[in-house]
Amino acid sequence: MNLRAVKAIYRFEMARTARTLMQSIVSPVISTSLYFVVFGSAIGSRITEIEGVSYGAFIVPGLIMLTLLTQSVMNASFGIYFPRFVGTIYELLSAPISFFEIVLGYVGAAATKSIILGVIILATAGFFVPLEIQHPVWMVTFLILTAVTFSLLGFIIGIWADGFEKLQIIPLLVITPLTFLGGSFYAINVLPPVWQTISLFNPVVYLVSGFRWSFYGVSDVPIGISVAATMAFLAICLVVIWWIFRTGYRLKN
């Protein structure tokens, strides 16, 4: 493996984050803090607790997951789209670097940014509500798996998109609504039976449920199903990326 090439791509992407610190780190943290203030104060005053957990603490995993999903997709998609836009992608494709090393550099950087954001938001949440992490190993596992999986999805979107507008379509019109409807701010069992069944077709439900279980030991679906759904989505993304580099889709024309 060409570790020097992977390191060069990784450091370049991380340096771009440092140059846009306000947009990459500060802005998402402030936005999430506002969610704590609005939902924790306005709604939390009317809903004391859900499944034995105070409402303010209950929404913490969902808010972290909301930021993690959107930022992973956006960071990874822009990271690979910009070289395509300016034409430097051909230098990468002609260099002695395998597609695995290219993906490792870009996806690794995007996942790292998202994990840093998730940790900062977790620390920030401690100033608003009392936190409890019953399964810290599983919490870190879900954090890393989700960041890597959705960074891979963002990489695919960055290859697929042929304009800056398309980079925003999936995060804003698909990922964010699915996260809001995936139990980030409520438990699935409070919904009518029909909507509970419909919610189970939302893949984000399994991510949020598993992540919340690592905090409080409560979940909407069994933890084994959450892990299996996450791994299945990860495998699908890997297969799609393999196909992209195998066929040269939107890379060689």
C-alpha atoms as a PDB file:
ATOM      1  CA  MET A   1       0.000   0.000   0.000  1.00  0.00           C
ATOM      2  CA  ASN A   2       1.216   3.474  -0.906  1.00  0.00           C
ATOM      3  CA  LEU A   3       0.878   5.032   2.534  1.00  0.00           C
ATOM      4  CA  ARG A   4       2.627   8.214   1.427  1.00  0.00           C
ATOM      5  CA  ALA A   5      -0.094   8.865  -1.154  1.00  0.00           C
ATOM      6  CA  VAL A   6      -2.861   8.130   1.359  1.00  0.00           C
ATOM      7  CA  LYS A   7      -1.215  10.470   3.864  1.00  0.00           C
ATOM      8  CA  ALA A   8      -0.878  13.239   1.249  1.00  0.00           C
ATOM      9  CA  ILE A   9      -4.589  13.078   0.328  1.00  0.00           C
ATOM     10  CA  TYR A  10      -5.605  12.852   3.975  1.00  0.00           C
ATOM     11  CA  ARG A  11      -3.471  15.812   5.058  1.00  0.00           C
ATOM     12  CA  PHE A  12      -4.667  17.938   2.135  1.00  0.00           C
ATOM     13  CA  GLU A  13      -8.312  17.348   3.031  1.00  0.00           C
ATOM     14  CA  MET A  14      -7.716  17.986   6.733  1.00  0.00           C
ATOM     15  CA  ALA A  15      -5.840  21.195   5.894  1.00  0.00           C
ATOM     16  CA  ARG A  16      -8.889  22.386   3.930  1.00  0.00           C
ATOM     17  CA  THR A  17     -10.945  21.976   7.095  1.00  0.00           C
ATOM     18  CA  ALA A  18      -8.452  24.071   9.044  1.00  0.00           C
ATOM     19  CA  ARG A  19      -8.749  26.838   6.442  1.00  0.00           C
ATOM     20  CA  THR A  20     -12.551  26.845   6.721  1.00  0.00           C
ATOM     21  CA  LEU A  21     -12.839  26.290  10.464  1.00  0.00           C
ATOM     22  CA  MET A  22     -15.920  28.468  10.929  1.00  0.00           C
ATOM     23  CA  GLN A  23     -17.866  26.646   8.220  1.00  0.00           C
ATOM     24  CA  SER A  24     -16.582  23.135   8.938  1.00  0.00           C
ATOM     25  CA  ILE A  25     -16.615  22.998  12.740  1.00  0.00           C
ATOM     26  CA  VAL A  26     -18.004  26.085  14.451  1.00  0.00           C
ATOM     27  CA  SER A  27     -21.185  26.467  12.383  1.00  0.00           C
ATOM     28  CA  PRO A  28     -22.472  22.863  12.861  1.00  0.00           C
ATOM     29  CA  VAL A  29     -21.727  23.008  16.595  1.00  0.00           C
ATOM     30  CA  ILE A  30     -23.641  26.286  17.003  1.00  0.00           C
ATOM     31  CA  SER A  31     -26.562  24.938  14.971  1.00  0.00           C
ATOM     32  CA  THR A  32     -26.752  21.798  17.099  1.00  0.00           C
ATOM     33  CA  SER A  33     -26.543  23.868  20.293  1.00  0.00           C
ATOM     34  CA  LEU A  34     -29.587  25.786  19.110  1.00  0.00           C
ATOM     35  CA  TYR A  35     -31.438  22.479  18.772  1.00  0.00           C
ATOM     36  CA  PHE A  36     -30.670  21.785  22.429  1.00  0.00           C
ATOM     37  CA  VAL A  37     -31.976  25.192  23.437  1.00  0.00           C
ATOM     38  CA  VAL A  38     -35.144  25.037  21.308  1.00  0.00           C
ATOM     39  CA  PHE A  39     -36.100  21.383  21.669  1.00  0.00           C
ATOM     40  CA  GLY A  40     -34.693  20.887  25.156  1.00  0.00           C
ATOM     41  CA  SER A  41     -36.358  23.976  26.618  1.00  0.00           C
ATOM     42  CA  ALA A  42     -39.549  24.379  24.578  1.00  0.00           C
ATOM     43  CA  ILE A  43     -40.504  20.740  24.130  1.00  0.00           C
ATOM     44  CA  GLY A  44     -38.625  19.385  27.138  1.00  0.00           C
ATOM     45  CA  SER A  45     -40.763  21.500  29.447  1.00  0.00           C
ATOM     46  CA  ARG A  46     -43.832  19.601  28.177  1.00  0.00           C
ATOM     47  CA  ILE A  47     -42.303  16.143  27.762  1.00  0.00           C
ATOM     48  CA  THR A  48     -40.527  15.237  30.979  1.00  0.00           C
ATOM     49  CA  GLU A  49     -39.049  11.915  29.875  1.00  0.00           C
ATOM     50  CA  ILE A  50     -39.196   9.141  27.274  1.00  0.00           C
ATOM     51  CA  GLU A  51     -38.597   5.524  28.291  1.00  0.00           C
ATOM     52  CA  GLY A  52     -37.187   6.669  31.615  1.00  0.00           C
ATOM     53  CA  VAL A  53     -34.745   9.182  30.056  1.00  0.00           C
ATOM     54  CA  SER A  54     -35.198  12.933  30.345  1.00  0.00           C
ATOM     55  CA  TYR A  55     -36.214  14.431  27.015  1.00  0.00           C
ATOM     56  CA  GLY A  56     -33.176  16.720  26.799  1.00  0.00           C
ATOM     57  CA  ALA A  57     -30.827  13.759  27.229  1.00  0.00           C
ATOM     58  CA  PHE A  58     -32.969  11.525  24.993  1.00  0.00           C
ATOM     59  CA  ILE A  59     -32.421  13.729  21.903  1.00  0.00           C
ATOM     60  CA  VAL A  60     -28.613  13.931  22.298  1.00  0.00           C
ATOM     61  CA  PRO A  61     -27.836  10.753  20.263  1.00  0.00           C
ATOM     62  CA  GLY A  62     -30.289  11.859  17.562  1.00  0.00           C
ATOM     63  CA  LEU A  63     -28.716  15.308  17.280  1.00  0.00           C
ATOM     64  CA  ILE A  64     -25.218  13.843  17.089  1.00  0.00           C
ATOM     65  CA  MET A  65     -26.397  11.417  14.419  1.00  0.00           C
ATOM     66  CA  LEU A  66     -28.078  14.230  12.463  1.00  0.00           C
ATOM     67  CA  THR A  67     -24.805  16.169  12.312  1.00  0.00           C
ATOM     68  CA  LEU A  68     -22.734  13.050  11.685  1.00  0.00           C
ATOM     69  CA  LEU A  69     -24.799  11.915   8.687  1.00  0.00           C
ATOM     70  CA  THR A  70     -25.073  15.285   6.950  1.00  0.00           C
ATOM     71  CA  GLN A  71     -21.471  16.365   7.544  1.00  0.00           C
ATOM     72  CA  SER A  72     -20.021  12.987   6.497  1.00  0.00           C
ATOM     73  CA  VAL A  73     -21.900  13.124   3.206  1.00  0.00           C
ATOM     74  CA  MET A  74     -21.136  16.776   2.510  1.00  0.00           C
ATOM     75  CA  ASN A  75     -17.431  16.587   3.400  1.00  0.00           C
ATOM     76  CA  ALA A  76     -16.771  13.460   1.348  1.00  0.00           C
ATOM     77  CA  SER A  77     -18.854  14.550  -1.657  1.00  0.00           C
ATOM     78  CA  PHE A  78     -17.168  17.960  -1.934  1.00  0.00           C
ATOM     79  CA  GLY A  79     -13.736  16.436  -1.301  1.00  0.00           C
ATOM     80  CA  ILE A  80     -13.877  14.226  -4.416  1.00  0.00           C
ATOM     81  CA  TYR A  81     -16.077  16.500  -6.538  1.00  0.00           C
ATOM     82  CA  PHE A  82     -13.713  19.479  -6.431  1.00  0.00           C
ATOM     83  CA  PRO A  83     -10.779  17.577  -8.063  1.00  0.00           C
ATOM     84  CA  ARG A  84     -13.219  16.494 -10.782  1.00  0.00           C
ATOM     85  CA  PHE A  85     -14.409  20.073 -11.210  1.00  0.00           C
ATOM     86  CA  VAL A  86     -10.904  21.546 -11.630  1.00  0.00           C
ATOM     87  CA  GLY A  87      -9.498  18.530 -13.493  1.00  0.00           C
ATOM     88  CA  THR A  88      -6.863  17.440 -10.966  1.00  0.00           C
ATOM     89  CA  ILE A  89      -8.622  14.087 -10.620  1.00  0.00           C
ATOM     90  CA  TYR A  90      -6.750  12.918 -13.731  1.00  0.00           C
ATOM     91  CA  GLU A  91      -3.443  13.406 -11.934  1.00  0.00           C
ATOM     92  CA  LEU A  92      -4.664  11.048  -9.233  1.00  0.00           C
ATOM     93  CA  LEU A  93      -5.944   8.496 -11.739  1.00  0.00           C
ATOM     94  CA  SER A  94      -2.649   8.500 -13.651  1.00  0.00           C
ATOM     95  CA  ALA A  95      -0.491   8.297 -10.518  1.00  0.00           C
ATOM     96  CA  PRO A  96       0.696   4.941  -9.119  1.00  0.00           C
ATOM     97  CA  ILE A  97      -2.171   4.884  -6.607  1.00  0.00           C
ATOM     98  CA  SER A  98      -4.852   2.234  -6.364  1.00  0.00           C
ATOM     99  CA  PHE A  99      -8.531   3.126  -6.085  1.00  0.00           C
ATOM    100  CA  PHE A 100      -8.480   1.724  -2.545  1.00  0.00           C
ATOM    101  CA  GLU A 101      -5.786   4.220  -1.534  1.00  0.00           C
ATOM    102  CA  ILE A 102      -7.711   7.111  -3.107  1.00  0.00           C
ATOM    103  CA  VAL A 103     -10.891   6.150  -1.279  1.00  0.00           C
ATOM    104  CA  LEU A 104      -8.980   5.597   1.968  1.00  0.00           C
ATOM    105  CA  GLY A 105      -7.490   9.095   1.819  1.00  0.00           C
ATOM    106  CA  TYR A 106     -10.683  10.984   0.999  1.00  0.00           C
ATOM    107  CA  VAL A 107     -13.098   8.903   3.069  1.00  0.00           C
ATOM    108  CA  GLY A 108     -10.688   8.732   5.998  1.00  0.00           C
ATOM    109  CA  ALA A 109     -10.417  12.529   6.100  1.00  0.00           C
ATOM    110  CA  ALA A 110     -14.195  13.043   5.798  1.00  0.00           C
ATOM    111  CA  ALA A 111     -14.890  10.477   8.519  1.00  0.00           C
ATOM    112  CA  THR A 112     -12.283  12.053  10.799  1.00  0.00           C
ATOM    113  CA  LYS A 113     -13.908  15.487  10.458  1.00  0.00           C
ATOM    114  CA  SER A 114     -17.327  14.037  11.264  1.00  0.00           C
ATOM    115  CA  ILE A 115     -16.047  12.116  14.288  1.00  0.00           C
ATOM    116  CA  ILE A 116     -14.358  15.267  15.618  1.00  0.00           C
ATOM    117  CA  LEU A 117     -17.654  17.109  15.200  1.00  0.00           C
ATOM    118  CA  GLY A 118     -19.546  14.329  16.954  1.00  0.00           C
ATOM    119  CA  VAL A 119     -17.152  14.389  19.914  1.00  0.00           C
ATOM    120  CA  ILE A 120     -17.379  18.188  20.182  1.00  0.00           C
ATOM    121  CA  ILE A 121     -21.187  18.075  20.104  1.00  0.00           C
ATOM    122  CA  LEU A 122     -21.176  15.305  22.713  1.00  0.00           C
ATOM    123  CA  ALA A 123     -18.996  17.449  24.968  1.00  0.00           C
ATOM    124  CA  THR A 124     -21.202  20.482  24.299  1.00  0.00           C
ATOM    125  CA  ALA A 125     -24.323  18.496  25.205  1.00  0.00           C
ATOM    126  CA  GLY A 126     -22.843  17.921  28.655  1.00  0.00           C
ATOM    127  CA  PHE A 127     -23.327  21.618  29.392  1.00  0.00           C
ATOM    128  CA  PHE A 128     -27.065  21.368  28.672  1.00  0.00           C
ATOM    129  CA  VAL A 129     -28.172  17.972  29.978  1.00  0.00           C
ATOM    130  CA  PRO A 130     -26.797  15.196  32.212  1.00  0.00           C
ATOM    131  CA  LEU A 131     -25.335  12.464  30.012  1.00  0.00           C
ATOM    132  CA  GLU A 132     -24.953   8.748  30.597  1.00  0.00           C
ATOM    133  CA  ILE A 133     -23.069   6.327  28.338  1.00  0.00           C
ATOM    134  CA  GLN A 134     -23.806   2.752  29.377  1.00  0.00           C
ATOM    135  CA  HIS A 135     -21.917   1.108  26.506  1.00  0.00           C
ATOM    136  CA  PRO A 136     -18.957   3.366  25.573  1.00  0.00           C
ATOM    137  CA  VAL A 137     -17.332   0.774  23.290  1.00  0.00           C
ATOM    138  CA  TRP A 138     -20.523   0.405  21.264  1.00  0.00           C
ATOM    139  CA  MET A 139     -20.950   4.178  21.220  1.00  0.00           C
ATOM    140  CA  VAL A 140     -17.506   4.624  19.652  1.00  0.00           C
ATOM    141  CA  THR A 141     -18.178   1.702  17.281  1.00  0.00           C
ATOM    142  CA  PHE A 142     -21.435   3.211  16.030  1.00  0.00           C
ATOM    143  CA  LEU A 143     -19.796   6.637  15.758  1.00  0.00           C
ATOM    144  CA  ILE A 144     -16.970   5.320  13.577  1.00  0.00           C
ATOM    145  CA  LEU A 145     -19.121   2.944  11.503  1.00  0.00           C
ATOM    146  CA  THR A 146     -21.694   5.645  10.746  1.00  0.00           C
ATOM    147  CA  ALA A 147     -19.062   8.245   9.868  1.00  0.00           C
ATOM    148  CA  VAL A 148     -17.230   5.850   7.524  1.00  0.00           C
ATOM    149  CA  THR A 149     -20.425   4.521   5.914  1.00  0.00           C
ATOM    150  CA  PHE A 150     -21.894   7.916   5.122  1.00  0.00           C
ATOM    151  CA  SER A 151     -18.511   9.264   4.031  1.00  0.00           C
ATOM    152  CA  LEU A 152     -18.503   6.431   1.499  1.00  0.00           C
ATOM    153  CA  LEU A 153     -22.001   7.499   0.449  1.00  0.00           C
ATOM    154  CA  GLY A 154     -20.762  11.069   0.115  1.00  0.00           C
ATOM    155  CA  PHE A 155     -17.859   9.867  -2.031  1.00  0.00           C
ATOM    156  CA  ILE A 156     -20.364   8.162  -4.349  1.00  0.00           C
ATOM    157  CA  ILE A 157     -22.465  11.337  -4.531  1.00  0.00           C
ATOM    158  CA  GLY A 158     -19.342  13.378  -5.323  1.00  0.00           C
ATOM    159  CA  ILE A 159     -18.623  11.086  -8.276  1.00  0.00           C
ATOM    160  CA  TRP A 160     -22.254  11.081  -9.430  1.00  0.00           C
ATOM    161  CA  ALA A 161     -22.847  14.832  -9.207  1.00  0.00           C
ATOM    162  CA  ASP A 162     -22.186  16.924 -12.304  1.00  0.00           C
ATOM    163  CA  GLY A 163     -22.816  20.272 -10.610  1.00  0.00           C
ATOM    164  CA  PHE A 164     -22.625  21.931  -7.210  1.00  0.00           C
ATOM    165  CA  GLU A 165     -26.416  21.881  -6.964  1.00  0.00           C
ATOM    166  CA  LYS A 166     -26.502  18.072  -7.024  1.00  0.00           C
ATOM    167  CA  LEU A 167     -24.058  17.949  -4.108  1.00  0.00           C
ATOM    168  CA  GLN A 168     -26.777  19.499  -1.934  1.00  0.00           C
ATOM    169  CA  ILE A 169     -29.733  17.403  -3.119  1.00  0.00           C
ATOM    170  CA  ILE A 170     -29.063  14.196  -1.180  1.00  0.00           C
ATOM    171  CA  PRO A 171     -27.933  15.763   2.147  1.00  0.00           C
ATOM    172  CA  LEU A 172     -30.699  18.376   2.258  1.00  0.00           C
ATOM    173  CA  LEU A 173     -33.630  16.625   0.586  1.00  0.00           C
ATOM    174  CA  VAL A 174     -32.976  13.005   1.590  1.00  0.00           C
ATOM    175  CA  ILE A 175     -30.584  12.575   4.544  1.00  0.00           C
ATOM    176  CA  THR A 176     -31.901  15.410   6.734  1.00  0.00           C
ATOM    177  CA  PRO A 177     -35.632  14.525   6.353  1.00  0.00           C
ATOM    178  CA  LEU A 178     -34.915  10.832   6.955  1.00  0.00           C
ATOM    179  CA  THR A 179     -32.992  11.736  10.118  1.00  0.00           C
ATOM    180  CA  PHE A 180     -35.796  13.930  11.428  1.00  0.00           C
ATOM    181  CA  LEU A 181     -38.273  11.123  10.701  1.00  0.00           C
ATOM    182  CA  GLY A 182     -35.931   8.448  12.052  1.00  0.00           C
ATOM    183  CA  GLY A 183     -36.610   8.889  15.741  1.00  0.00           C
ATOM    184  CA  SER A 184     -34.028  11.575  16.448  1.00  0.00           C
ATOM    185  CA  PHE A 185     -36.466  13.573  18.585  1.00  0.00           C
ATOM    186  CA  TYR A 186     -38.958  10.890  19.614  1.00  0.00           C
ATOM    187  CA  ALA A 187     -39.347   7.179  20.216  1.00  0.00           C
ATOM    188  CA  ILE A 188     -40.931   5.148  17.441  1.00  0.00           C
ATOM    189  CA  ASN A 189     -43.317   3.455  19.871  1.00  0.00           C
ATOM    190  CA  VAL A 190     -45.185   6.727  20.507  1.00  0.00           C
ATOM    191  CA  LEU A 191     -46.399   6.693  16.899  1.00  0.00           C
ATOM    192  CA  PRO A 192     -49.600   5.002  15.733  1.00  0.00           C
ATOM    193  CA  PRO A 193     -49.064   1.358  14.685  1.00  0.00           C
ATOM    194  CA  VAL A 194     -49.259   2.169  10.959  1.00  0.00           C
ATOM    195  CA  TRP A 195     -46.562   4.836  11.221  1.00  0.00           C
ATOM    196  CA  GLN A 196     -44.416   2.555  13.357  1.00  0.00           C
ATOM    197  CA  THR A 197     -44.415   0.047  10.504  1.00  0.00           C
ATOM    198  CA  ILE A 198     -43.639   2.743   7.933  1.00  0.00           C
ATOM    199  CA  SER A 199     -40.787   4.058  10.084  1.00  0.00           C
ATOM    200  CA  LEU A 200     -39.093   0.656   9.999  1.00  0.00           C
ATOM    201  CA  PHE A 201     -38.458   1.190   6.278  1.00  0.00           C
ATOM    202  CA  ASN A 202     -36.367   4.258   7.143  1.00  0.00           C
ATOM    203  CA  PRO A 203     -32.707   3.081   7.386  1.00  0.00           C
ATOM    204  CA  VAL A 204     -31.789   5.975   9.679  1.00  0.00           C
ATOM    205  CA  VAL A 205     -34.087   4.519  12.368  1.00  0.00           C
ATOM    206  CA  TYR A 206     -31.630   1.655  12.873  1.00  0.00           C
ATOM    207  CA  LEU A 207     -28.640   3.999  13.135  1.00  0.00           C
ATOM    208  CA  VAL A 208     -30.283   6.343  15.642  1.00  0.00           C
ATOM    209  CA  SER A 209     -31.762   3.461  17.634  1.00  0.00           C
ATOM    210  CA  GLY A 210     -28.434   1.643  17.941  1.00  0.00           C
ATOM    211  CA  PHE A 211     -26.580   4.812  18.853  1.00  0.00           C
ATOM    212  CA  ARG A 212     -29.174   5.715  21.512  1.00  0.00           C
ATOM    213  CA  TRP A 213     -28.953   2.199  22.947  1.00  0.00           C
ATOM    214  CA  SER A 214     -25.222   2.698  23.518  1.00  0.00           C
ATOM    215  CA  PHE A 215     -26.096   5.705  25.706  1.00  0.00           C
ATOM    216  CA  TYR A 216     -29.140   4.631  27.706  1.00  0.00           C
ATOM    217  CA  GLY A 217     -29.753   0.976  26.946  1.00  0.00           C
ATOM    218  CA  VAL A 218     -33.103   1.739  25.250  1.00  0.00           C
ATOM    219  CA  SER A 219     -33.812   1.311  21.548  1.00  0.00           C
ATOM    220  CA  ASP A 220     -36.647   1.129  19.048  1.00  0.00           C
ATOM    221  CA  VAL A 221     -35.246  -1.977  17.341  1.00  0.00           C
ATOM    222  CA  PRO A 222     -32.963  -4.769  18.644  1.00  0.00           C
ATOM    223  CA  ILE A 223     -29.288  -3.794  18.735  1.00  0.00           C
ATOM    224  CA  GLY A 224     -28.326  -6.761  16.558  1.00  0.00           C
ATOM    225  CA  ILE A 225     -30.579  -5.525  13.761  1.00  0.00           C
ATOM    226  CA  SER A 226     -29.093  -2.031  14.051  1.00  0.00           C
ATOM    227  CA  VAL A 227     -25.560  -3.395  13.668  1.00  0.00           C
ATOM    228  CA  ALA A 228     -26.586  -5.647  10.764  1.00  0.00           C
ATOM    229  CA  ALA A 229     -28.319  -2.758   8.949  1.00  0.00           C
ATOM    230  CA  THR A 230     -25.263  -0.517   9.361  1.00  0.00           C
ATOM    231  CA  MET A 231     -22.888  -3.202   8.093  1.00  0.00           C
ATOM    232  CA  ALA A 232     -25.179  -3.986   5.152  1.00  0.00           C
ATOM    233  CA  PHE A 233     -25.268  -0.323   4.104  1.00  0.00           C
ATOM    234  CA  LEU A 234     -21.462  -0.166   4.455  1.00  0.00           C
ATOM    235  CA  ALA A 235     -21.084  -3.222   2.216  1.00  0.00           C
ATOM    236  CA  ILE A 236     -23.418  -1.737  -0.428  1.00  0.00           C
ATOM    237  CA  CYS A 237     -21.412   1.502  -0.525  1.00  0.00           C
ATOM    238  CA  LEU A 238     -18.150  -0.447  -0.920  1.00  0.00           C
ATOM    239  CA  VAL A 239     -19.578  -2.464  -3.796  1.00  0.00           C
ATOM    240  CA  VAL A 240     -20.824   0.684  -5.572  1.00  0.00           C
ATOM    241  CA  ILE A 241     -17.418   2.376  -5.210  1.00  0.00           C
ATOM    242  CA  TRP A 242     -15.671  -0.744  -6.522  1.00  0.00           C
ATOM    243  CA  TRP A 243     -17.995  -0.666  -9.546  1.00  0.00           C
ATOM    244  CA  ILE A 244     -17.308   3.049 -10.130  1.00  0.00           C
ATOM    245  CA  PHE A 245     -13.545   2.529 -10.337  1.00  0.00           C
ATOM    246  CA  ARG A 246     -13.956  -0.745 -12.221  1.00  0.00           C
ATOM    247  CA  THR A 247     -15.999   0.920 -14.967  1.00  0.00           C
ATOM    248  CA  GLY A 248     -14.598   4.456 -14.738  1.00  0.00           C
ATOM    249  CA  TYR A 249     -18.090   5.894 -14.253  1.00  0.00           C
ATOM    250  CA  ARG A 250     -17.880   9.721 -14.496  1.00  0.00           C
ATOM    251  CA  LEU A 251     -14.132   9.514 -13.969  1.00  0.00           C
ATOM    252  CA  LYS A 252     -12.725   8.860 -17.427  1.00  0.00           C
ATOM    253  CA  ASN A 253     -14.882  11.229 -19.458  1.00  0.00           C
END
